[in-house]
Amino acid sequence: MSTVPIYPPLDGSLNLSGLTDFNAQHNPSHPAFVYSYAPGSLTEVSFFEYGRATHRAAQAVRPGRVGVDGEVVAVIANVDTLLYSAIFGGMIRAGVVRL
């Protein structure tokens, strides 16, 4: 696996969920998020893991993309930034409108 990241096209051909899929495919082992639970420790979440999380969130919000695109969905969640990002990335992927 190359340590040099492959960058997505900047021509506007990819939407936000497309960018997630691009990085999951072309840069799967590169870190999407890095965080620390305790001083001196770092945990990385790869683009592959983050991409899978957005797919799971999309499936939870709108199983099989059944229903109408653009349905309004509100989320009240007391979660960390990583989980919040995965949920909202999944909502974008599911084609719902977030409040």
N, C-alpha and C. Protein backbone atom coordinates (compact mmCIF):
# COMPACT_ATOMS: atom_id res chain seq x y z
N MET A 1 0.85 -1.18 0.00
CA MET A 1 0.00 0.00 0.00
C MET A 1 0.89 1.24 0.00
N SER A 2 0.58 2.15 -0.87
CA SER A 2 1.34 3.38 -0.98
C SER A 2 1.07 4.28 0.22
N THR A 3 2.11 4.98 0.65
CA THR A 3 1.94 5.94 1.74
C THR A 3 1.59 7.33 1.21
N VAL A 4 1.62 7.48 -0.11
CA VAL A 4 1.28 8.76 -0.73
C VAL A 4 -0.22 8.76 -1.03
N PRO A 5 -0.95 9.72 -0.50
CA PRO A 5 -2.40 9.73 -0.74
C PRO A 5 -2.73 10.07 -2.19
N ILE A 6 -3.83 9.53 -2.66
CA ILE A 6 -4.36 9.86 -3.98
C ILE A 6 -5.48 10.86 -3.75
N TYR A 7 -5.39 12.00 -4.38
CA TYR A 7 -6.36 13.07 -4.15
C TYR A 7 -7.54 12.95 -5.11
N PRO A 8 -8.73 13.29 -4.65
CA PRO A 8 -9.91 13.22 -5.51
C PRO A 8 -9.89 14.35 -6.54
N PRO A 9 -10.64 14.19 -7.63
CA PRO A 9 -10.70 15.26 -8.62
C PRO A 9 -11.36 16.50 -8.02
N LEU A 10 -10.91 17.65 -8.46
CA LEU A 10 -11.43 18.91 -7.95
C LEU A 10 -12.37 19.59 -8.94
N ASP A 11 -12.91 18.79 -9.88
CA ASP A 11 -13.76 19.34 -10.92
C ASP A 11 -15.24 19.37 -10.55
N GLY A 12 -15.56 19.02 -9.31
CA GLY A 12 -16.95 19.03 -8.87
C GLY A 12 -17.72 17.78 -9.23
N SER A 13 -17.04 16.75 -9.73
CA SER A 13 -17.72 15.53 -10.15
C SER A 13 -18.11 14.63 -8.98
N LEU A 14 -17.58 14.89 -7.79
CA LEU A 14 -17.90 14.08 -6.62
C LEU A 14 -18.67 14.92 -5.60
N ASN A 15 -19.75 14.35 -5.06
CA ASN A 15 -20.44 15.00 -3.95
C ASN A 15 -19.80 14.52 -2.64
N LEU A 16 -20.36 14.89 -1.49
CA LEU A 16 -19.73 14.54 -0.22
C LEU A 16 -19.65 13.04 0.00
N SER A 17 -20.72 12.31 -0.30
CA SER A 17 -20.65 10.86 -0.13
C SER A 17 -19.72 10.24 -1.16
N GLY A 18 -19.62 10.85 -2.33
CA GLY A 18 -18.67 10.38 -3.33
C GLY A 18 -17.23 10.57 -2.89
N LEU A 19 -16.96 11.66 -2.17
CA LEU A 19 -15.61 11.88 -1.63
C LEU A 19 -15.27 10.83 -0.58
N THR A 20 -16.25 10.48 0.24
CA THR A 20 -16.03 9.43 1.24
C THR A 20 -15.72 8.11 0.55
N ASP A 21 -16.49 7.76 -0.47
CA ASP A 21 -16.25 6.51 -1.21
C ASP A 21 -14.91 6.54 -1.93
N PHE A 22 -14.56 7.68 -2.52
CA PHE A 22 -13.28 7.80 -3.22
C PHE A 22 -12.13 7.50 -2.27
N ASN A 23 -12.15 8.14 -1.11
CA ASN A 23 -11.06 7.93 -0.15
C ASN A 23 -11.06 6.52 0.42
N ALA A 24 -12.24 5.93 0.63
CA ALA A 24 -12.30 4.55 1.12
C ALA A 24 -11.71 3.59 0.10
N GLN A 25 -11.86 3.90 -1.18
CA GLN A 25 -11.34 3.03 -2.24
C GLN A 25 -9.86 3.29 -2.51
N HIS A 26 -9.46 4.55 -2.63
CA HIS A 26 -8.10 4.89 -3.06
C HIS A 26 -7.12 5.11 -1.91
N ASN A 27 -7.62 5.44 -0.74
CA ASN A 27 -6.76 5.72 0.42
C ASN A 27 -7.27 4.97 1.66
N PRO A 28 -7.55 3.67 1.54
CA PRO A 28 -8.24 2.97 2.63
C PRO A 28 -7.50 2.95 3.95
N SER A 29 -6.18 2.93 3.93
CA SER A 29 -5.43 2.82 5.19
C SER A 29 -5.00 4.18 5.75
N HIS A 30 -5.23 5.24 5.01
CA HIS A 30 -4.87 6.57 5.50
C HIS A 30 -5.87 7.01 6.56
N PRO A 31 -5.41 7.78 7.55
CA PRO A 31 -6.33 8.20 8.62
C PRO A 31 -7.30 9.29 8.17
N ALA A 32 -8.57 9.06 8.48
CA ALA A 32 -9.59 10.08 8.26
C ALA A 32 -9.73 10.93 9.52
N PHE A 33 -9.58 10.28 10.68
CA PHE A 33 -9.67 10.94 11.98
C PHE A 33 -8.56 10.40 12.88
N VAL A 34 -8.02 11.27 13.70
CA VAL A 34 -7.06 10.87 14.73
C VAL A 34 -7.50 11.55 16.02
N TYR A 35 -7.62 10.75 17.08
CA TYR A 35 -8.05 11.32 18.35
C TYR A 35 -7.33 10.63 19.50
N SER A 36 -7.46 11.21 20.67
CA SER A 36 -6.80 10.68 21.86
C SER A 36 -7.81 10.56 22.99
N TYR A 37 -7.86 9.37 23.59
CA TYR A 37 -8.70 9.18 24.78
C TYR A 37 -7.94 9.53 26.05
N ALA A 38 -6.63 9.34 26.01
CA ALA A 38 -5.80 9.60 27.19
C ALA A 38 -4.52 10.27 26.73
N PRO A 39 -3.90 11.06 27.60
CA PRO A 39 -2.63 11.70 27.23
C PRO A 39 -1.60 10.67 26.76
N GLY A 40 -0.97 10.97 25.64
CA GLY A 40 0.07 10.10 25.11
C GLY A 40 -0.43 8.96 24.24
N SER A 41 -1.74 8.86 24.04
CA SER A 41 -2.27 7.79 23.18
C SER A 41 -2.99 8.41 21.99
N LEU A 42 -2.86 7.78 20.85
CA LEU A 42 -3.55 8.22 19.65
C LEU A 42 -4.29 7.04 19.04
N THR A 43 -5.49 7.29 18.57
CA THR A 43 -6.27 6.28 17.87
C THR A 43 -6.60 6.85 16.50
N GLU A 44 -6.40 6.04 15.47
CA GLU A 44 -6.70 6.46 14.10
C GLU A 44 -7.90 5.70 13.57
N VAL A 45 -8.74 6.39 12.83
CA VAL A 45 -9.84 5.78 12.10
C VAL A 45 -9.54 5.99 10.63
N SER A 46 -9.40 4.91 9.89
CA SER A 46 -9.02 5.00 8.48
C SER A 46 -10.20 5.44 7.62
N PHE A 47 -9.89 5.86 6.40
CA PHE A 47 -10.95 6.23 5.46
C PHE A 47 -11.85 5.03 5.17
N PHE A 48 -11.28 3.83 5.14
CA PHE A 48 -12.07 2.63 4.91
C PHE A 48 -13.08 2.43 6.04
N GLU A 49 -12.62 2.53 7.28
CA GLU A 49 -13.51 2.36 8.43
C GLU A 49 -14.58 3.45 8.48
N TYR A 50 -14.19 4.69 8.21
CA TYR A 50 -15.15 5.79 8.21
C TYR A 50 -16.19 5.61 7.10
N GLY A 51 -15.74 5.20 5.92
CA GLY A 51 -16.68 4.96 4.82
C GLY A 51 -17.70 3.90 5.17
N ARG A 52 -17.25 2.81 5.79
CA ARG A 52 -18.17 1.75 6.21
C ARG A 52 -19.16 2.28 7.25
N ALA A 53 -18.69 3.14 8.15
CA ALA A 53 -19.57 3.71 9.18
C ALA A 53 -20.66 4.56 8.55
N THR A 54 -20.33 5.34 7.52
CA THR A 54 -21.36 6.17 6.87
C THR A 54 -22.38 5.29 6.14
N HIS A 55 -21.93 4.18 5.56
CA HIS A 55 -22.86 3.26 4.90
C HIS A 55 -23.80 2.63 5.93
N ARG A 56 -23.27 2.24 7.09
CA ARG A 56 -24.11 1.66 8.14
C ARG A 56 -25.12 2.69 8.67
N ALA A 57 -24.68 3.92 8.83
CA ALA A 57 -25.58 4.98 9.30
C ALA A 57 -26.68 5.23 8.27
N ALA A 58 -26.33 5.25 6.99
CA ALA A 58 -27.33 5.46 5.94
C ALA A 58 -28.36 4.34 5.96
N GLN A 59 -27.91 3.12 6.15
CA GLN A 59 -28.82 1.97 6.19
C GLN A 59 -29.74 2.05 7.41
N ALA A 60 -29.23 2.56 8.52
CA ALA A 60 -30.04 2.69 9.73
C ALA A 60 -31.10 3.79 9.58
N VAL A 61 -30.73 4.88 8.90
CA VAL A 61 -31.64 6.01 8.73
C VAL A 61 -32.71 5.71 7.68
N ARG A 62 -32.29 5.08 6.59
CA ARG A 62 -33.21 4.83 5.47
C ARG A 62 -32.88 3.48 4.84
N PRO A 63 -33.36 2.39 5.44
CA PRO A 63 -33.03 1.05 4.96
C PRO A 63 -33.39 0.85 3.49
N GLY A 64 -32.41 0.46 2.69
CA GLY A 64 -32.64 0.20 1.28
C GLY A 64 -33.02 1.41 0.46
N ARG A 65 -32.83 2.60 1.01
CA ARG A 65 -33.22 3.86 0.36
C ARG A 65 -34.69 3.86 -0.05
N VAL A 66 -35.52 3.15 0.74
CA VAL A 66 -36.96 3.11 0.49
C VAL A 66 -37.56 4.44 0.92
N GLY A 67 -38.47 4.93 0.12
CA GLY A 67 -39.12 6.20 0.43
C GLY A 67 -38.67 7.30 -0.50
N VAL A 68 -39.05 8.50 -0.16
CA VAL A 68 -38.82 9.66 -1.01
C VAL A 68 -37.50 10.34 -0.64
N ASP A 69 -36.72 10.72 -1.65
CA ASP A 69 -35.52 11.53 -1.40
C ASP A 69 -35.94 12.87 -0.83
N GLY A 70 -35.12 13.42 0.04
CA GLY A 70 -35.38 14.74 0.58
C GLY A 70 -36.26 14.76 1.81
N GLU A 71 -36.58 13.59 2.36
CA GLU A 71 -37.37 13.56 3.59
C GLU A 71 -36.58 14.25 4.70
N VAL A 72 -37.27 15.04 5.52
CA VAL A 72 -36.62 15.79 6.59
C VAL A 72 -36.46 14.89 7.81
N VAL A 73 -35.25 14.86 8.35
CA VAL A 73 -34.94 14.05 9.52
C VAL A 73 -34.21 14.93 10.53
N ALA A 74 -34.66 14.88 11.77
CA ALA A 74 -33.99 15.62 12.84
C ALA A 74 -33.24 14.63 13.72
N VAL A 75 -32.09 15.03 14.20
CA VAL A 75 -31.28 14.18 15.07
C VAL A 75 -30.94 14.97 16.33
N ILE A 76 -31.22 14.36 17.46
CA ILE A 76 -30.76 14.89 18.74
C ILE A 76 -29.83 13.83 19.30
N ALA A 77 -28.56 14.15 19.38
CA ALA A 77 -27.59 13.15 19.80
C ALA A 77 -26.51 13.77 20.66
N ASN A 78 -26.22 13.13 21.75
CA ASN A 78 -25.12 13.54 22.62
C ASN A 78 -23.97 12.56 22.35
N VAL A 79 -23.24 12.82 21.27
CA VAL A 79 -22.18 11.92 20.83
C VAL A 79 -20.91 12.71 20.55
N ASP A 80 -19.81 11.99 20.36
CA ASP A 80 -18.56 12.66 20.04
C ASP A 80 -18.52 13.07 18.57
N THR A 81 -17.53 13.83 18.22
CA THR A 81 -17.41 14.39 16.87
C THR A 81 -17.33 13.33 15.80
N LEU A 82 -16.62 12.25 16.05
CA LEU A 82 -16.46 11.19 15.06
C LEU A 82 -17.80 10.53 14.76
N LEU A 83 -18.54 10.16 15.77
CA LEU A 83 -19.84 9.52 15.57
C LEU A 83 -20.82 10.49 14.92
N TYR A 84 -20.80 11.74 15.34
CA TYR A 84 -21.65 12.78 14.74
C TYR A 84 -21.37 12.88 13.25
N SER A 85 -20.10 12.91 12.88
CA SER A 85 -19.71 13.01 11.48
C SER A 85 -20.18 11.79 10.69
N ALA A 86 -20.05 10.60 11.25
CA ALA A 86 -20.48 9.39 10.57
C ALA A 86 -22.00 9.37 10.38
N ILE A 87 -22.74 9.80 11.40
CA ILE A 87 -24.20 9.84 11.30
C ILE A 87 -24.62 10.83 10.21
N PHE A 88 -24.05 12.02 10.23
CA PHE A 88 -24.45 13.02 9.23
C PHE A 88 -23.95 12.64 7.83
N GLY A 89 -22.79 12.01 7.74
CA GLY A 89 -22.34 11.49 6.44
C GLY A 89 -23.29 10.43 5.92
N GLY A 90 -23.78 9.58 6.81
CA GLY A 90 -24.77 8.57 6.43
C GLY A 90 -26.08 9.18 6.00
N MET A 91 -26.48 10.25 6.66
CA MET A 91 -27.72 10.92 6.28
C MET A 91 -27.60 11.55 4.89
N ILE A 92 -26.45 12.10 4.59
CA ILE A 92 -26.21 12.63 3.24
C ILE A 92 -26.30 11.50 2.23
N ARG A 93 -25.65 10.38 2.54
CA ARG A 93 -25.66 9.22 1.66
C ARG A 93 -27.08 8.68 1.46
N ALA A 94 -27.89 8.73 2.52
CA ALA A 94 -29.26 8.21 2.46
C ALA A 94 -30.20 9.13 1.70
N GLY A 95 -29.78 10.36 1.43
CA GLY A 95 -30.61 11.28 0.66
C GLY A 95 -31.70 11.96 1.46
N VAL A 96 -31.45 12.12 2.76
CA VAL A 96 -32.42 12.82 3.60
C VAL A 96 -31.91 14.22 3.90
N VAL A 97 -32.81 15.09 4.30
CA VAL A 97 -32.46 16.47 4.65
C VAL A 97 -32.31 16.53 6.16
N ARG A 98 -31.18 17.03 6.62
CA ARG A 98 -30.89 17.10 8.05
C ARG A 98 -31.34 18.43 8.62
N LEU A 99 -31.89 18.38 9.82
CA LEU A 99 -32.25 19.60 10.53
C LEU A 99 -31.19 19.92 11.55
